């Protein structure tokens, strides 16, 4: 069994990534960050992540296309996904829900509760 708790991070903003890294590394997680929108398939399959964190407003990575592809792939379709979006971006919230993402929060809530939100999501996914 893979003991490494790897999370696939779909966030291109380096400052936001650093905030995520600082929340997860002390808790024993490993992060696999997508740097291009073509990265997801190789990184998702090689790292065998336990979940995915996505910035729905990330224009550089085209998060909606990556999410559609992850949901369509048998290896990643059932992974729990935590998405965050600017609270005024109603279209991003609706799209996330339409894609079947389990948890969508505002950018502010994500910043305040990064690790707790992800652990709540993965513990409820493991229980179901």
N, C-alpha and C. Protein backbone atom coordinates (compact mmCIF):
# COMPACT_ATOMS: atom_id res chain seq x y z
N UNK A 1 0.84 -1.19 0.00
CA UNK A 1 0.00 0.00 0.00
C UNK A 1 0.88 1.24 0.00
N UNK A 2 0.42 2.26 -0.71
CA UNK A 2 1.15 3.51 -0.81
C UNK A 2 0.91 4.32 0.46
N UNK A 3 1.95 4.48 1.30
CA UNK A 3 1.82 5.19 2.57
C UNK A 3 1.93 6.70 2.40
N UNK A 4 2.48 7.14 1.27
CA UNK A 4 2.62 8.57 1.03
C UNK A 4 1.27 9.17 0.72
N UNK A 5 0.93 10.22 1.42
CA UNK A 5 -0.34 10.90 1.19
C UNK A 5 -0.06 12.05 0.22
N UNK A 6 -0.25 11.79 -1.06
CA UNK A 6 0.04 12.78 -2.09
C UNK A 6 -1.24 13.48 -2.51
N UNK A 7 -1.14 14.79 -2.69
CA UNK A 7 -2.27 15.60 -3.14
C UNK A 7 -1.88 16.26 -4.45
N UNK A 8 -2.74 16.17 -5.43
CA UNK A 8 -2.53 16.82 -6.72
C UNK A 8 -3.03 18.26 -6.58
N UNK A 9 -2.16 19.23 -6.87
CA UNK A 9 -2.49 20.64 -6.69
C UNK A 9 -2.61 21.32 -8.05
N UNK A 10 -3.79 21.82 -8.37
CA UNK A 10 -4.04 22.52 -9.64
C UNK A 10 -4.12 24.01 -9.32
N UNK A 11 -2.95 24.59 -9.08
CA UNK A 11 -2.82 25.99 -8.69
C UNK A 11 -1.52 26.52 -9.30
N UNK A 12 -1.60 27.50 -10.19
CA UNK A 12 -0.36 28.01 -10.79
C UNK A 12 0.24 29.18 -10.01
N UNK A 13 -0.56 29.88 -9.22
CA UNK A 13 -0.06 31.03 -8.46
C UNK A 13 0.93 30.55 -7.40
N UNK A 14 2.19 30.98 -7.51
CA UNK A 14 3.25 30.48 -6.63
C UNK A 14 3.01 30.89 -5.18
N UNK A 15 2.46 32.07 -4.95
CA UNK A 15 2.22 32.49 -3.57
C UNK A 15 1.13 31.65 -2.92
N UNK A 16 0.10 31.35 -3.69
CA UNK A 16 -0.97 30.52 -3.16
C UNK A 16 -0.48 29.08 -2.97
N UNK A 17 0.32 28.60 -3.90
CA UNK A 17 0.89 27.26 -3.76
C UNK A 17 1.73 27.17 -2.49
N UNK A 18 2.53 28.19 -2.23
CA UNK A 18 3.37 28.20 -1.04
C UNK A 18 2.53 28.12 0.23
N UNK A 19 1.41 28.82 0.24
CA UNK A 19 0.48 28.77 1.38
C UNK A 19 -0.07 27.35 1.56
N UNK A 20 -0.42 26.71 0.46
CA UNK A 20 -0.91 25.33 0.52
C UNK A 20 0.19 24.41 1.03
N UNK A 21 1.38 24.56 0.46
CA UNK A 21 2.52 23.73 0.87
C UNK A 21 2.79 23.88 2.36
N UNK A 22 2.77 25.12 2.85
CA UNK A 22 3.05 25.36 4.27
C UNK A 22 1.99 24.75 5.18
N UNK A 23 0.77 24.58 4.67
CA UNK A 23 -0.29 23.95 5.46
C UNK A 23 -0.16 22.43 5.48
N UNK A 24 0.27 21.84 4.37
CA UNK A 24 0.24 20.38 4.25
C UNK A 24 1.54 19.65 4.60
N UNK A 25 2.68 20.22 4.28
CA UNK A 25 3.94 19.51 4.52
C UNK A 25 4.15 19.14 5.99
N UNK A 26 3.90 20.05 6.94
CA UNK A 26 4.08 19.66 8.35
C UNK A 26 3.16 18.53 8.79
N UNK A 27 2.04 18.34 8.08
CA UNK A 27 1.09 17.28 8.43
C UNK A 27 1.43 15.96 7.72
N UNK A 28 2.56 15.92 7.01
CA UNK A 28 3.01 14.66 6.41
C UNK A 28 2.52 14.39 5.00
N UNK A 29 1.97 15.39 4.35
CA UNK A 29 1.49 15.21 2.97
C UNK A 29 2.61 15.53 1.98
N UNK A 30 2.49 14.95 0.81
CA UNK A 30 3.38 15.27 -0.30
C UNK A 30 2.51 15.96 -1.35
N UNK A 31 3.03 17.01 -1.97
CA UNK A 31 2.26 17.73 -2.98
C UNK A 31 2.84 17.50 -4.36
N UNK A 32 1.97 17.33 -5.30
CA UNK A 32 2.35 17.20 -6.72
C UNK A 32 1.64 18.32 -7.46
N UNK A 33 2.41 19.33 -7.84
CA UNK A 33 1.81 20.53 -8.43
C UNK A 33 1.83 20.45 -9.95
N UNK A 34 0.69 20.79 -10.54
CA UNK A 34 0.63 20.88 -12.00
C UNK A 34 1.21 22.22 -12.42
N UNK A 35 2.10 22.19 -13.37
CA UNK A 35 2.70 23.43 -13.86
C UNK A 35 2.11 23.83 -15.21
N UNK A 36 1.59 22.86 -15.94
CA UNK A 36 0.92 23.16 -17.22
C UNK A 36 -0.36 22.35 -17.27
N UNK A 37 -1.26 22.73 -18.16
CA UNK A 37 -2.52 21.99 -18.25
C UNK A 37 -2.33 20.61 -18.85
N UNK A 38 -1.15 20.33 -19.42
CA UNK A 38 -0.88 18.99 -19.96
C UNK A 38 -0.26 18.06 -18.92
N UNK A 39 0.15 18.59 -17.78
CA UNK A 39 0.82 17.83 -16.73
C UNK A 39 -0.07 16.82 -16.03
N UNK A 40 -1.36 17.09 -15.99
CA UNK A 40 -2.24 16.37 -15.06
C UNK A 40 -2.20 14.87 -15.23
N UNK A 41 -2.21 14.38 -16.46
CA UNK A 41 -2.34 12.93 -16.65
C UNK A 41 -1.13 12.18 -16.10
N UNK A 42 0.05 12.61 -16.46
CA UNK A 42 1.27 11.95 -15.98
C UNK A 42 1.36 12.06 -14.46
N UNK A 43 1.17 13.25 -13.94
CA UNK A 43 1.32 13.45 -12.50
C UNK A 43 0.23 12.72 -11.71
N UNK A 44 -0.98 12.73 -12.21
CA UNK A 44 -2.07 12.05 -11.49
C UNK A 44 -1.85 10.56 -11.45
N UNK A 45 -1.39 9.98 -12.54
CA UNK A 45 -1.21 8.53 -12.58
C UNK A 45 0.06 8.10 -11.84
N UNK A 46 1.14 8.86 -11.96
CA UNK A 46 2.39 8.47 -11.30
C UNK A 46 2.34 8.65 -9.79
N UNK A 47 1.71 9.72 -9.33
CA UNK A 47 1.78 10.03 -7.90
C UNK A 47 0.69 9.34 -7.09
N UNK A 48 -0.31 8.78 -7.75
CA UNK A 48 -1.43 8.12 -7.06
C UNK A 48 -1.96 8.97 -5.91
N UNK A 49 -2.50 10.14 -6.24
CA UNK A 49 -2.94 11.06 -5.18
C UNK A 49 -4.15 10.54 -4.42
N UNK A 50 -4.29 11.04 -3.18
CA UNK A 50 -5.45 10.70 -2.36
C UNK A 50 -6.55 11.74 -2.54
N UNK A 51 -6.23 12.84 -3.22
CA UNK A 51 -7.20 13.89 -3.45
C UNK A 51 -6.60 14.99 -4.31
N UNK A 52 -7.45 15.94 -4.66
CA UNK A 52 -7.06 17.01 -5.58
C UNK A 52 -7.55 18.34 -5.01
N UNK A 53 -6.70 19.36 -5.13
CA UNK A 53 -7.08 20.73 -4.77
C UNK A 53 -6.98 21.57 -6.02
N UNK A 54 -8.05 22.33 -6.31
CA UNK A 54 -8.14 23.08 -7.56
C UNK A 54 -8.55 24.53 -7.34
N UNK A 55 -7.84 25.42 -7.99
CA UNK A 55 -8.25 26.83 -8.05
C UNK A 55 -9.12 26.96 -9.29
N UNK A 56 -10.42 27.15 -9.11
CA UNK A 56 -11.35 27.23 -10.25
C UNK A 56 -11.12 28.46 -11.11
N UNK A 57 -10.44 29.47 -10.57
CA UNK A 57 -10.21 30.71 -11.31
C UNK A 57 -8.82 30.77 -11.93
N UNK A 58 -8.14 29.64 -12.03
CA UNK A 58 -6.77 29.62 -12.55
C UNK A 58 -6.79 29.58 -14.08
N UNK A 59 -6.63 30.74 -14.69
CA UNK A 59 -6.68 30.82 -16.15
C UNK A 59 -5.50 30.11 -16.82
N UNK A 60 -4.35 30.12 -16.18
CA UNK A 60 -3.17 29.51 -16.81
C UNK A 60 -3.30 28.01 -16.95
N UNK A 61 -3.99 27.37 -16.02
CA UNK A 61 -4.09 25.91 -16.06
C UNK A 61 -5.40 25.40 -16.64
N UNK A 62 -6.35 26.27 -16.91
CA UNK A 62 -7.66 25.86 -17.43
C UNK A 62 -8.25 24.74 -16.57
N UNK A 63 -8.50 25.07 -15.33
CA UNK A 63 -9.00 24.11 -14.35
C UNK A 63 -10.23 23.33 -14.81
N UNK A 64 -11.22 23.96 -15.46
CA UNK A 64 -12.39 23.17 -15.87
C UNK A 64 -12.04 22.02 -16.82
N UNK A 65 -11.14 22.25 -17.77
CA UNK A 65 -10.75 21.17 -18.69
C UNK A 65 -10.01 20.06 -17.96
N UNK A 66 -9.12 20.43 -17.05
CA UNK A 66 -8.38 19.43 -16.27
C UNK A 66 -9.36 18.60 -15.43
N UNK A 67 -10.31 19.28 -14.80
CA UNK A 67 -11.29 18.56 -13.98
C UNK A 67 -12.14 17.61 -14.80
N UNK A 68 -12.58 18.06 -15.97
CA UNK A 68 -13.36 17.18 -16.85
C UNK A 68 -12.56 15.93 -17.19
N UNK A 69 -11.28 16.12 -17.51
CA UNK A 69 -10.43 14.99 -17.86
C UNK A 69 -10.21 14.07 -16.66
N UNK A 70 -9.98 14.64 -15.48
CA UNK A 70 -9.79 13.82 -14.27
C UNK A 70 -11.06 13.02 -13.96
N UNK A 71 -12.21 13.64 -14.12
CA UNK A 71 -13.48 12.95 -13.85
C UNK A 71 -13.75 11.86 -14.89
N UNK A 72 -13.22 12.02 -16.10
CA UNK A 72 -13.45 11.04 -17.17
C UNK A 72 -12.48 9.86 -17.09
N UNK A 73 -11.37 10.01 -16.37
CA UNK A 73 -10.36 8.96 -16.28
C UNK A 73 -10.70 7.99 -15.15
N UNK A 74 -10.75 6.68 -15.42
CA UNK A 74 -11.11 5.71 -14.38
C UNK A 74 -10.17 5.76 -13.16
N UNK A 75 -8.90 6.10 -13.39
CA UNK A 75 -7.93 6.11 -12.28
C UNK A 75 -8.15 7.28 -11.33
N UNK A 76 -8.75 8.35 -11.80
CA UNK A 76 -8.89 9.55 -10.97
C UNK A 76 -10.34 9.98 -10.75
N UNK A 77 -11.28 9.33 -11.38
CA UNK A 77 -12.68 9.77 -11.34
C UNK A 77 -13.26 9.84 -9.93
N UNK A 78 -12.83 8.95 -9.06
CA UNK A 78 -13.44 8.90 -7.72
C UNK A 78 -12.66 9.66 -6.66
N UNK A 79 -11.58 10.32 -7.04
CA UNK A 79 -10.79 11.06 -6.05
C UNK A 79 -11.59 12.25 -5.49
N UNK A 80 -11.49 12.48 -4.18
CA UNK A 80 -12.15 13.66 -3.62
C UNK A 80 -11.47 14.93 -4.12
N UNK A 81 -12.28 15.94 -4.45
CA UNK A 81 -11.75 17.20 -4.98
C UNK A 81 -12.25 18.35 -4.12
N UNK A 82 -11.30 19.16 -3.69
CA UNK A 82 -11.59 20.40 -2.98
C UNK A 82 -11.28 21.54 -3.94
N UNK A 83 -12.29 22.33 -4.28
CA UNK A 83 -12.09 23.45 -5.19
C UNK A 83 -12.36 24.75 -4.45
N UNK A 84 -11.66 25.78 -4.87
CA UNK A 84 -11.95 27.09 -4.32
C UNK A 84 -12.05 28.09 -5.46
N UNK A 85 -12.87 29.13 -5.24
CA UNK A 85 -13.11 30.14 -6.26
C UNK A 85 -13.39 31.47 -5.59
N UNK A 86 -13.18 32.53 -6.34
CA UNK A 86 -13.55 33.85 -5.83
C UNK A 86 -15.05 33.84 -5.58
N UNK A 87 -15.48 34.40 -4.45
CA UNK A 87 -16.90 34.29 -4.09
C UNK A 87 -17.81 34.98 -5.10
N UNK A 88 -17.31 35.95 -5.85
CA UNK A 88 -18.16 36.63 -6.82
C UNK A 88 -18.23 35.90 -8.17
N UNK A 89 -17.44 34.86 -8.34
CA UNK A 89 -17.39 34.12 -9.60
C UNK A 89 -18.46 33.03 -9.62
N UNK A 90 -19.71 33.42 -9.78
CA UNK A 90 -20.84 32.50 -9.71
C UNK A 90 -20.71 31.38 -10.76
N UNK A 91 -20.23 31.72 -11.94
CA UNK A 91 -20.05 30.72 -13.00
C UNK A 91 -19.09 29.61 -12.60
N UNK A 92 -18.01 29.97 -11.91
CA UNK A 92 -17.03 28.97 -11.46
C UNK A 92 -17.64 28.03 -10.43
N UNK A 93 -18.44 28.58 -9.53
CA UNK A 93 -19.10 27.76 -8.50
C UNK A 93 -20.06 26.77 -9.15
N UNK A 94 -20.86 27.27 -10.09
CA UNK A 94 -21.83 26.42 -10.77
C UNK A 94 -21.11 25.33 -11.55
N UNK A 95 -20.06 25.69 -12.27
CA UNK A 95 -19.29 24.72 -13.04
C UNK A 95 -18.71 23.63 -12.14
N UNK A 96 -18.16 24.03 -11.01
CA UNK A 96 -17.60 23.05 -10.08
C UNK A 96 -18.67 22.06 -9.63
N UNK A 97 -19.84 22.56 -9.29
CA UNK A 97 -20.93 21.68 -8.87
C UNK A 97 -21.37 20.77 -10.03
N UNK A 98 -21.47 21.35 -11.23
CA UNK A 98 -21.86 20.57 -12.41
C UNK A 98 -20.86 19.45 -12.71
N UNK A 99 -19.58 19.69 -12.38
CA UNK A 99 -18.55 18.68 -12.62
C UNK A 99 -18.52 17.62 -11.51
N UNK A 100 -19.35 17.79 -10.51
CA UNK A 100 -19.42 16.79 -9.45
C UNK A 100 -18.37 16.95 -8.37
N UNK A 101 -17.83 18.14 -8.24
CA UNK A 101 -16.83 18.37 -7.20
C UNK A 101 -17.53 18.37 -5.85
N UNK A 102 -16.97 17.62 -4.91
CA UNK A 102 -17.61 17.41 -3.61
C UNK A 102 -17.67 18.66 -2.76
N UNK A 103 -16.63 19.49 -2.80
CA UNK A 103 -16.59 20.65 -1.91
C UNK A 103 -16.01 21.84 -2.65
N UNK A 104 -16.78 22.94 -2.65
CA UNK A 104 -16.33 24.20 -3.25
C UNK A 104 -16.46 25.27 -2.18
N UNK A 105 -15.39 26.01 -1.96
CA UNK A 105 -15.39 27.05 -0.94
C UNK A 105 -14.84 28.34 -1.53
N UNK A 106 -15.05 29.44 -0.81
CA UNK A 106 -14.49 30.71 -1.24
C UNK A 106 -12.98 30.69 -1.03
N UNK A 107 -12.31 31.54 -1.76
CA UNK A 107 -10.86 31.66 -1.63
C UNK A 107 -10.48 32.01 -0.19
N UNK A 108 -11.28 32.89 0.44
CA UNK A 108 -10.99 33.30 1.82
C UNK A 108 -11.12 32.13 2.80
N UNK A 109 -12.19 31.35 2.65
CA UNK A 109 -12.36 30.19 3.54
C UNK A 109 -11.25 29.19 3.31
N UNK A 110 -10.88 28.98 2.04
CA UNK A 110 -9.79 28.06 1.74
C UNK A 110 -8.51 28.52 2.41
N UNK A 111 -8.20 29.80 2.32
CA UNK A 111 -6.99 30.34 2.93
C UNK A 111 -6.98 30.14 4.44
N UNK A 112 -8.14 30.32 5.05
CA UNK A 112 -8.23 30.24 6.50
C UNK A 112 -8.20 28.80 7.02
N UNK A 113 -8.71 27.84 6.23
CA UNK A 113 -8.90 26.48 6.74
C UNK A 113 -8.37 25.41 5.79
N UNK A 114 -7.30 25.68 5.08
CA UNK A 114 -6.79 24.81 4.03
C UNK A 114 -6.71 23.34 4.44
N UNK A 115 -5.93 23.04 5.43
CA UNK A 115 -5.72 21.64 5.85
C UNK A 115 -7.01 21.03 6.40
N UNK A 116 -7.72 21.76 7.23
CA UNK A 116 -8.95 21.22 7.83
C UNK A 116 -10.00 20.88 6.77
N UNK A 117 -10.16 21.75 5.78
CA UNK A 117 -11.14 21.49 4.71
C UNK A 117 -10.80 20.22 3.96
N UNK A 118 -9.52 20.05 3.62
CA UNK A 118 -9.12 18.86 2.87
C UNK A 118 -9.30 17.60 3.71
N UNK A 119 -8.91 17.66 4.97
CA UNK A 119 -9.04 16.47 5.82
C UNK A 119 -10.49 16.12 6.10
N UNK A 120 -11.37 17.12 6.21
CA UNK A 120 -12.80 16.84 6.36
C UNK A 120 -13.31 16.13 5.09
N UNK A 121 -12.89 16.62 3.95
CA UNK A 121 -13.33 16.04 2.67
C UNK A 121 -12.84 14.60 2.51
N UNK A 122 -11.56 14.36 2.79
CA UNK A 122 -11.03 13.00 2.58
C UNK A 122 -11.53 12.04 3.65
N UNK A 123 -11.79 12.50 4.85
CA UNK A 123 -12.32 11.57 5.86
C UNK A 123 -13.77 11.22 5.56
N UNK A 124 -14.54 12.16 5.02
CA UNK A 124 -15.92 11.84 4.68
C UNK A 124 -15.98 10.98 3.42
N UNK A 125 -15.02 11.14 2.50
CA UNK A 125 -14.95 10.30 1.31
C UNK A 125 -14.57 8.87 1.67
N UNK A 126 -13.66 8.73 2.62
CA UNK A 126 -13.23 7.40 3.03
C UNK A 126 -14.35 6.65 3.75
N UNK A 127 -15.20 7.41 4.43
CA UNK A 127 -16.29 6.80 5.17
C UNK A 127 -17.42 6.35 4.25
N UNK A 128 -17.52 6.97 3.08
CA UNK A 128 -18.65 6.60 2.19
C UNK A 128 -18.31 5.49 1.25
